[in-house]
Amino acid sequence: MSADNGDEIKVNTLGAKVRIRLERAQAAIQAGAMAAVAECARAIVEQARADCPVASGRLRDSIGAEVSFDPSTGIIEARVYADAPYAAAVELGRGRSAPQPFLFPTLERQGSRLPEMVRSSLALLMNDL
C-alpha cells in the first residue's frame, strides 16, 4: 500500500496467522479430547451392558452415556448412567437381595484407561498440526 507521501505502509499479519493457528489447534485438541472421552464412555456402556444381570432387559437397555463440554470452564465430562428405577437396588443390593454390581466395577476398569486414550488422541492430533 502507498501513502500520499510515497512511503510504504507495511502490515504485519504474523500475529493474526499465529492466532488463527492457535485457535485451530485448540479446536482440534478439544475435538480429540471429546472423541477420547466419548470412546471411553462407549466402552464403559458396552461392558456394563455385558455385565448387567438380565431378567427383562430393561435394566440393560437403560444403561447409557452423555458427553458434554462446558466452554466457560473447558471441562469435558462423561456421564454414564443406568436409569431404570431399580438400577441402584441391583447394583448395591437391597434387603435380602445381594448386590449384583455391573456399573461401578466397569467404571473402575475402563475409566482408568481414559488418561491414556486422551494422550494417544492428542499425540495423533499434534502430529497432524
N, C-alpha and C. Protein backbone atom coordinates (compact mmCIF):
# COMPACT_ATOMS: atom_id res chain seq x y z
N MET A 1 0.86 -1.18 0.00
CA MET A 1 0.00 0.00 0.00
C MET A 1 0.89 1.23 0.00
N SER A 2 0.43 2.27 -0.60
CA SER A 2 1.20 3.52 -0.64
C SER A 2 0.41 4.62 0.03
N ALA A 3 1.12 5.46 0.76
CA ALA A 3 0.50 6.64 1.34
C ALA A 3 0.70 7.80 0.37
N ASP A 4 0.05 8.93 0.60
CA ASP A 4 0.15 10.08 -0.29
C ASP A 4 1.57 10.58 -0.43
N ASN A 5 2.39 10.43 0.61
CA ASN A 5 3.75 10.95 0.56
C ASN A 5 4.71 9.95 -0.09
N GLY A 6 4.23 8.86 -0.63
CA GLY A 6 5.08 7.90 -1.31
C GLY A 6 5.69 6.86 -0.39
N ASP A 7 5.51 6.98 0.90
CA ASP A 7 6.05 5.99 1.83
C ASP A 7 5.21 4.72 1.77
N GLU A 8 5.84 3.61 1.99
CA GLU A 8 5.14 2.33 2.01
C GLU A 8 4.63 2.05 3.42
N ILE A 9 3.44 1.50 3.50
CA ILE A 9 2.88 1.09 4.78
C ILE A 9 2.91 -0.43 4.80
N LYS A 10 3.55 -1.00 5.80
CA LYS A 10 3.64 -2.44 5.93
C LYS A 10 2.72 -2.90 7.06
N VAL A 11 2.00 -3.95 6.78
CA VAL A 11 1.10 -4.51 7.78
C VAL A 11 1.64 -5.87 8.18
N ASN A 12 1.83 -6.05 9.46
CA ASN A 12 2.33 -7.32 9.98
C ASN A 12 1.14 -8.24 10.25
N THR A 13 1.05 -9.33 9.52
CA THR A 13 -0.06 -10.27 9.72
C THR A 13 0.39 -11.50 10.51
N LEU A 14 1.63 -11.52 10.95
CA LEU A 14 2.13 -12.68 11.69
C LEU A 14 1.27 -12.97 12.91
N GLY A 15 0.92 -11.93 13.65
CA GLY A 15 0.10 -12.11 14.85
C GLY A 15 -1.24 -12.75 14.53
N ALA A 16 -1.87 -12.33 13.44
CA ALA A 16 -3.15 -12.91 13.04
C ALA A 16 -2.99 -14.36 12.63
N LYS A 17 -1.92 -14.68 11.91
CA LYS A 17 -1.69 -16.05 11.48
C LYS A 17 -1.46 -16.97 12.67
N VAL A 18 -0.68 -16.49 13.63
CA VAL A 18 -0.41 -17.29 14.82
C VAL A 18 -1.70 -17.52 15.59
N ARG A 19 -2.50 -16.48 15.72
CA ARG A 19 -3.76 -16.60 16.46
C ARG A 19 -4.69 -17.61 15.78
N ILE A 20 -4.78 -17.54 14.46
CA ILE A 20 -5.63 -18.47 13.73
C ILE A 20 -5.13 -19.89 13.91
N ARG A 21 -3.82 -20.10 13.83
CA ARG A 21 -3.27 -21.44 14.02
C ARG A 21 -3.54 -21.95 15.43
N LEU A 22 -3.38 -21.08 16.43
CA LEU A 22 -3.64 -21.49 17.80
C LEU A 22 -5.11 -21.82 18.00
N GLU A 23 -6.00 -21.04 17.39
CA GLU A 23 -7.43 -21.32 17.51
C GLU A 23 -7.75 -22.66 16.85
N ARG A 24 -7.15 -22.94 15.70
CA ARG A 24 -7.36 -24.23 15.04
C ARG A 24 -6.82 -25.37 15.90
N ALA A 25 -5.64 -25.16 16.48
CA ALA A 25 -5.05 -26.20 17.33
C ALA A 25 -5.93 -26.44 18.56
N GLN A 26 -6.43 -25.37 19.14
CA GLN A 26 -7.29 -25.51 20.31
C GLN A 26 -8.55 -26.28 19.96
N ALA A 27 -9.15 -25.96 18.82
CA ALA A 27 -10.36 -26.67 18.40
C ALA A 27 -10.06 -28.14 18.13
N ALA A 28 -8.91 -28.42 17.52
CA ALA A 28 -8.54 -29.81 17.23
C ALA A 28 -8.28 -30.59 18.52
N ILE A 29 -7.62 -29.96 19.47
CA ILE A 29 -7.34 -30.61 20.76
C ILE A 29 -8.65 -30.89 21.49
N GLN A 30 -9.55 -29.91 21.50
CA GLN A 30 -10.85 -30.10 22.15
C GLN A 30 -11.61 -31.24 21.48
N ALA A 31 -11.63 -31.27 20.17
CA ALA A 31 -12.34 -32.34 19.45
C ALA A 31 -11.71 -33.70 19.74
N GLY A 32 -10.39 -33.77 19.77
CA GLY A 32 -9.70 -35.02 20.06
C GLY A 32 -9.98 -35.52 21.47
N ALA A 33 -9.97 -34.59 22.43
CA ALA A 33 -10.25 -34.97 23.81
C ALA A 33 -11.71 -35.42 23.95
N MET A 34 -12.63 -34.71 23.28
CA MET A 34 -14.04 -35.10 23.31
C MET A 34 -14.23 -36.50 22.73
N ALA A 35 -13.53 -36.77 21.63
CA ALA A 35 -13.64 -38.09 20.99
C ALA A 35 -13.12 -39.19 21.91
N ALA A 36 -12.01 -38.92 22.59
CA ALA A 36 -11.45 -39.92 23.51
C ALA A 36 -12.37 -40.17 24.68
N VAL A 37 -12.95 -39.12 25.24
CA VAL A 37 -13.87 -39.27 26.36
C VAL A 37 -15.13 -40.03 25.90
N ALA A 38 -15.63 -39.69 24.71
CA ALA A 38 -16.81 -40.38 24.18
C ALA A 38 -16.52 -41.86 23.93
N GLU A 39 -15.35 -42.17 23.41
CA GLU A 39 -14.97 -43.56 23.16
C GLU A 39 -14.87 -44.34 24.47
N CYS A 40 -14.30 -43.73 25.48
CA CYS A 40 -14.19 -44.38 26.79
C CYS A 40 -15.60 -44.61 27.37
N ALA A 41 -16.47 -43.62 27.24
CA ALA A 41 -17.84 -43.77 27.74
C ALA A 41 -18.57 -44.90 27.00
N ARG A 42 -18.36 -44.99 25.68
CA ARG A 42 -19.00 -46.07 24.91
C ARG A 42 -18.49 -47.44 25.38
N ALA A 43 -17.20 -47.52 25.66
CA ALA A 43 -16.63 -48.79 26.13
C ALA A 43 -17.21 -49.17 27.50
N ILE A 44 -17.40 -48.19 28.36
CA ILE A 44 -18.00 -48.45 29.67
C ILE A 44 -19.43 -48.94 29.51
N VAL A 45 -20.20 -48.28 28.64
CA VAL A 45 -21.59 -48.68 28.41
C VAL A 45 -21.65 -50.11 27.88
N GLU A 46 -20.84 -50.41 26.89
CA GLU A 46 -20.85 -51.77 26.31
C GLU A 46 -20.52 -52.83 27.35
N GLN A 47 -19.48 -52.58 28.15
CA GLN A 47 -19.08 -53.57 29.15
C GLN A 47 -20.12 -53.67 30.26
N ALA A 48 -20.68 -52.55 30.70
CA ALA A 48 -21.71 -52.58 31.74
C ALA A 48 -22.94 -53.35 31.25
N ARG A 49 -23.30 -53.15 29.99
CA ARG A 49 -24.44 -53.91 29.44
C ARG A 49 -24.13 -55.40 29.40
N ALA A 50 -22.89 -55.74 29.09
CA ALA A 50 -22.50 -57.16 29.06
C ALA A 50 -22.49 -57.77 30.47
N ASP A 51 -22.12 -56.98 31.48
CA ASP A 51 -22.03 -57.46 32.86
C ASP A 51 -23.36 -57.39 33.62
N CYS A 52 -24.33 -56.71 33.07
CA CYS A 52 -25.59 -56.46 33.75
C CYS A 52 -26.43 -57.74 33.85
N PRO A 53 -26.97 -58.02 35.05
CA PRO A 53 -27.88 -59.16 35.15
C PRO A 53 -29.15 -58.86 34.35
N VAL A 54 -29.65 -59.87 33.65
CA VAL A 54 -30.79 -59.64 32.75
C VAL A 54 -31.96 -60.52 33.16
N ALA A 55 -33.08 -59.86 33.43
CA ALA A 55 -34.34 -60.58 33.61
C ALA A 55 -35.22 -60.21 32.41
N SER A 56 -35.56 -58.93 32.31
CA SER A 56 -36.40 -58.49 31.19
C SER A 56 -35.58 -57.75 30.12
N GLY A 57 -34.39 -57.28 30.48
CA GLY A 57 -33.57 -56.49 29.56
C GLY A 57 -33.75 -55.00 29.75
N ARG A 58 -34.71 -54.62 30.60
CA ARG A 58 -34.97 -53.19 30.82
C ARG A 58 -33.79 -52.48 31.47
N LEU A 59 -33.19 -53.12 32.47
CA LEU A 59 -32.03 -52.52 33.14
C LEU A 59 -30.88 -52.37 32.15
N ARG A 60 -30.60 -53.42 31.43
CA ARG A 60 -29.51 -53.38 30.44
C ARG A 60 -29.74 -52.26 29.42
N ASP A 61 -30.96 -52.15 28.95
CA ASP A 61 -31.28 -51.14 27.94
C ASP A 61 -31.26 -49.72 28.49
N SER A 62 -31.32 -49.59 29.82
CA SER A 62 -31.33 -48.25 30.42
C SER A 62 -29.92 -47.69 30.61
N ILE A 63 -28.90 -48.48 30.33
CA ILE A 63 -27.51 -48.03 30.50
C ILE A 63 -27.13 -47.18 29.30
N GLY A 64 -26.62 -46.00 29.57
CA GLY A 64 -26.24 -45.09 28.50
C GLY A 64 -25.18 -44.11 28.96
N ALA A 65 -24.84 -43.18 28.09
CA ALA A 65 -23.82 -42.19 28.41
C ALA A 65 -24.11 -40.89 27.67
N GLU A 66 -23.68 -39.79 28.25
CA GLU A 66 -23.75 -38.46 27.65
C GLU A 66 -22.40 -37.81 27.83
N VAL A 67 -21.92 -37.15 26.80
CA VAL A 67 -20.66 -36.41 26.89
C VAL A 67 -20.97 -34.95 26.63
N SER A 68 -20.41 -34.08 27.47
CA SER A 68 -20.67 -32.65 27.32
C SER A 68 -19.37 -31.86 27.51
N PHE A 69 -19.39 -30.65 26.96
CA PHE A 69 -18.25 -29.74 27.08
C PHE A 69 -18.78 -28.41 27.59
N ASP A 70 -18.15 -27.88 28.62
CA ASP A 70 -18.51 -26.57 29.16
C ASP A 70 -17.46 -25.57 28.70
N PRO A 71 -17.78 -24.72 27.71
CA PRO A 71 -16.78 -23.79 27.19
C PRO A 71 -16.31 -22.76 28.21
N SER A 72 -17.12 -22.47 29.23
CA SER A 72 -16.71 -21.48 30.22
C SER A 72 -15.61 -22.01 31.14
N THR A 73 -15.55 -23.34 31.33
CA THR A 73 -14.53 -23.93 32.20
C THR A 73 -13.52 -24.76 31.42
N GLY A 74 -13.89 -25.15 30.20
CA GLY A 74 -13.02 -26.03 29.41
C GLY A 74 -13.10 -27.49 29.86
N ILE A 75 -14.11 -27.83 30.63
CA ILE A 75 -14.23 -29.19 31.17
C ILE A 75 -15.07 -30.06 30.24
N ILE A 76 -14.53 -31.23 29.93
CA ILE A 76 -15.25 -32.25 29.19
C ILE A 76 -15.69 -33.29 30.21
N GLU A 77 -16.95 -33.66 30.16
CA GLU A 77 -17.50 -34.56 31.17
C GLU A 77 -18.29 -35.67 30.50
N ALA A 78 -18.10 -36.88 30.98
CA ALA A 78 -18.92 -38.01 30.53
C ALA A 78 -19.76 -38.46 31.72
N ARG A 79 -21.02 -38.66 31.46
CA ARG A 79 -21.94 -39.17 32.47
C ARG A 79 -22.43 -40.53 31.98
N VAL A 80 -22.07 -41.56 32.72
CA VAL A 80 -22.53 -42.91 32.40
C VAL A 80 -23.59 -43.26 33.44
N TYR A 81 -24.69 -43.80 32.99
CA TYR A 81 -25.83 -44.00 33.89
C TYR A 81 -26.60 -45.26 33.54
N ALA A 82 -27.37 -45.71 34.51
CA ALA A 82 -28.41 -46.73 34.32
C ALA A 82 -29.64 -46.10 34.95
N ASP A 83 -30.63 -45.77 34.14
CA ASP A 83 -31.77 -45.03 34.68
C ASP A 83 -33.05 -45.85 34.88
N ALA A 84 -32.91 -47.17 34.89
CA ALA A 84 -34.06 -47.98 35.30
C ALA A 84 -34.32 -47.68 36.77
N PRO A 85 -35.59 -47.64 37.19
CA PRO A 85 -35.89 -47.25 38.57
C PRO A 85 -35.22 -48.14 39.63
N TYR A 86 -34.91 -49.36 39.30
CA TYR A 86 -34.34 -50.29 40.27
C TYR A 86 -32.83 -50.51 40.06
N ALA A 87 -32.18 -49.69 39.25
CA ALA A 87 -30.75 -49.87 38.94
C ALA A 87 -29.89 -49.85 40.21
N ALA A 88 -30.14 -48.90 41.09
CA ALA A 88 -29.33 -48.81 42.32
C ALA A 88 -29.54 -50.03 43.21
N ALA A 89 -30.76 -50.53 43.28
CA ALA A 89 -31.04 -51.72 44.11
C ALA A 89 -30.29 -52.93 43.58
N VAL A 90 -30.19 -53.08 42.26
CA VAL A 90 -29.44 -54.20 41.68
C VAL A 90 -27.95 -54.00 41.92
N GLU A 91 -27.46 -52.81 41.64
CA GLU A 91 -26.02 -52.51 41.78
C GLU A 91 -25.54 -52.67 43.22
N LEU A 92 -26.31 -52.12 44.17
CA LEU A 92 -25.87 -52.06 45.56
C LEU A 92 -26.51 -53.10 46.47
N GLY A 93 -27.58 -53.73 45.99
CA GLY A 93 -28.32 -54.67 46.83
C GLY A 93 -29.33 -53.93 47.68
N ARG A 94 -30.35 -54.67 48.12
CA ARG A 94 -31.36 -54.05 48.99
C ARG A 94 -32.09 -55.17 49.71
N GLY A 95 -32.27 -54.99 51.01
CA GLY A 95 -32.95 -56.01 51.80
C GLY A 95 -32.20 -57.33 51.72
N ARG A 96 -32.89 -58.36 51.32
CA ARG A 96 -32.26 -59.68 51.19
C ARG A 96 -31.59 -59.90 49.83
N SER A 97 -31.78 -58.97 48.92
CA SER A 97 -31.17 -59.10 47.59
C SER A 97 -29.70 -58.69 47.66
N ALA A 98 -28.85 -59.60 47.28
CA ALA A 98 -27.41 -59.32 47.29
C ALA A 98 -27.06 -58.36 46.15
N PRO A 99 -26.01 -57.56 46.35
CA PRO A 99 -25.58 -56.67 45.27
C PRO A 99 -25.16 -57.48 44.03
N GLN A 100 -25.48 -56.94 42.88
CA GLN A 100 -25.04 -57.51 41.61
C GLN A 100 -24.39 -56.38 40.80
N PRO A 101 -23.22 -55.95 41.24
CA PRO A 101 -22.61 -54.77 40.61
C PRO A 101 -22.28 -55.01 39.13
N PHE A 102 -22.71 -54.07 38.32
CA PHE A 102 -22.46 -54.14 36.89
C PHE A 102 -21.89 -52.83 36.36
N LEU A 103 -22.10 -51.73 37.09
CA LEU A 103 -21.66 -50.43 36.59
C LEU A 103 -20.36 -49.96 37.25
N PHE A 104 -20.30 -49.96 38.58
CA PHE A 104 -19.11 -49.44 39.26
C PHE A 104 -17.84 -50.21 38.92
N PRO A 105 -17.86 -51.53 38.90
CA PRO A 105 -16.62 -52.24 38.52
C PRO A 105 -16.16 -51.89 37.10
N THR A 106 -17.12 -51.72 36.20
CA THR A 106 -16.78 -51.34 34.82
C THR A 106 -16.21 -49.94 34.78
N LEU A 107 -16.80 -49.03 35.54
CA LEU A 107 -16.26 -47.66 35.60
C LEU A 107 -14.82 -47.66 36.08
N GLU A 108 -14.53 -48.46 37.09
CA GLU A 108 -13.16 -48.53 37.61
C GLU A 108 -12.20 -49.09 36.57
N ARG A 109 -12.58 -50.18 35.93
CA ARG A 109 -11.68 -50.81 34.93
C ARG A 109 -11.48 -49.93 33.71
N GLN A 110 -12.58 -49.51 33.11
CA GLN A 110 -12.49 -48.75 31.86
C GLN A 110 -12.07 -47.30 32.09
N GLY A 111 -12.54 -46.71 33.17
CA GLY A 111 -12.22 -45.31 33.47
C GLY A 111 -10.74 -45.06 33.64
N SER A 112 -10.02 -46.06 34.14
CA SER A 112 -8.58 -45.90 34.32
C SER A 112 -7.85 -45.81 32.98
N ARG A 113 -8.50 -46.22 31.90
CA ARG A 113 -7.90 -46.15 30.57
C ARG A 113 -8.01 -44.76 29.95
N LEU A 114 -8.88 -43.91 30.49
CA LEU A 114 -9.16 -42.61 29.88
C LEU A 114 -7.93 -41.73 29.70
N PRO A 115 -7.09 -41.54 30.73
CA PRO A 115 -5.93 -40.67 30.51
C PRO A 115 -5.05 -41.11 29.33
N GLU A 116 -4.84 -42.41 29.19
CA GLU A 116 -4.02 -42.89 28.07
C GLU A 116 -4.73 -42.69 26.74
N MET A 117 -6.04 -42.87 26.72
CA MET A 117 -6.80 -42.65 25.48
C MET A 117 -6.72 -41.19 25.05
N VAL A 118 -6.82 -40.26 25.99
CA VAL A 118 -6.72 -38.84 25.67
C VAL A 118 -5.31 -38.51 25.19
N ARG A 119 -4.30 -39.03 25.89
CA ARG A 119 -2.90 -38.77 25.46
C ARG A 119 -2.66 -39.28 24.05
N SER A 120 -3.13 -40.47 23.74
CA SER A 120 -2.94 -41.04 22.40
C SER A 120 -3.64 -40.20 21.35
N SER A 121 -4.86 -39.80 21.65
CA SER A 121 -5.63 -38.98 20.71
C SER A 121 -4.93 -37.65 20.46
N LEU A 122 -4.45 -37.02 21.52
CA LEU A 122 -3.77 -35.73 21.37
C LEU A 122 -2.44 -35.88 20.66
N ALA A 123 -1.73 -36.97 20.89
CA ALA A 123 -0.45 -37.20 20.20
C ALA A 123 -0.69 -37.31 18.70
N LEU A 124 -1.73 -38.00 18.30
CA LEU A 124 -2.06 -38.12 16.87
C LEU A 124 -2.41 -36.76 16.28
N LEU A 125 -3.15 -35.95 17.04
CA LEU A 125 -3.51 -34.62 16.55
C LEU A 125 -2.29 -33.73 16.40
N MET A 126 -1.38 -33.81 17.34
CA MET A 126 -0.18 -32.96 17.29
C MET A 126 0.67 -33.31 16.08
N ASN A 127 0.68 -34.56 15.71
CA ASN A 127 1.43 -34.95 14.51
C ASN A 127 0.82 -34.36 13.25
N ASP A 128 -0.52 -34.15 13.28
CA ASP A 128 -1.21 -33.62 12.11
C ASP A 128 -1.15 -32.10 12.03
N LEU A 129 -0.86 -31.42 13.14
CA LEU A 129 -0.84 -29.94 13.14
C LEU A 129 0.43 -29.40 12.54
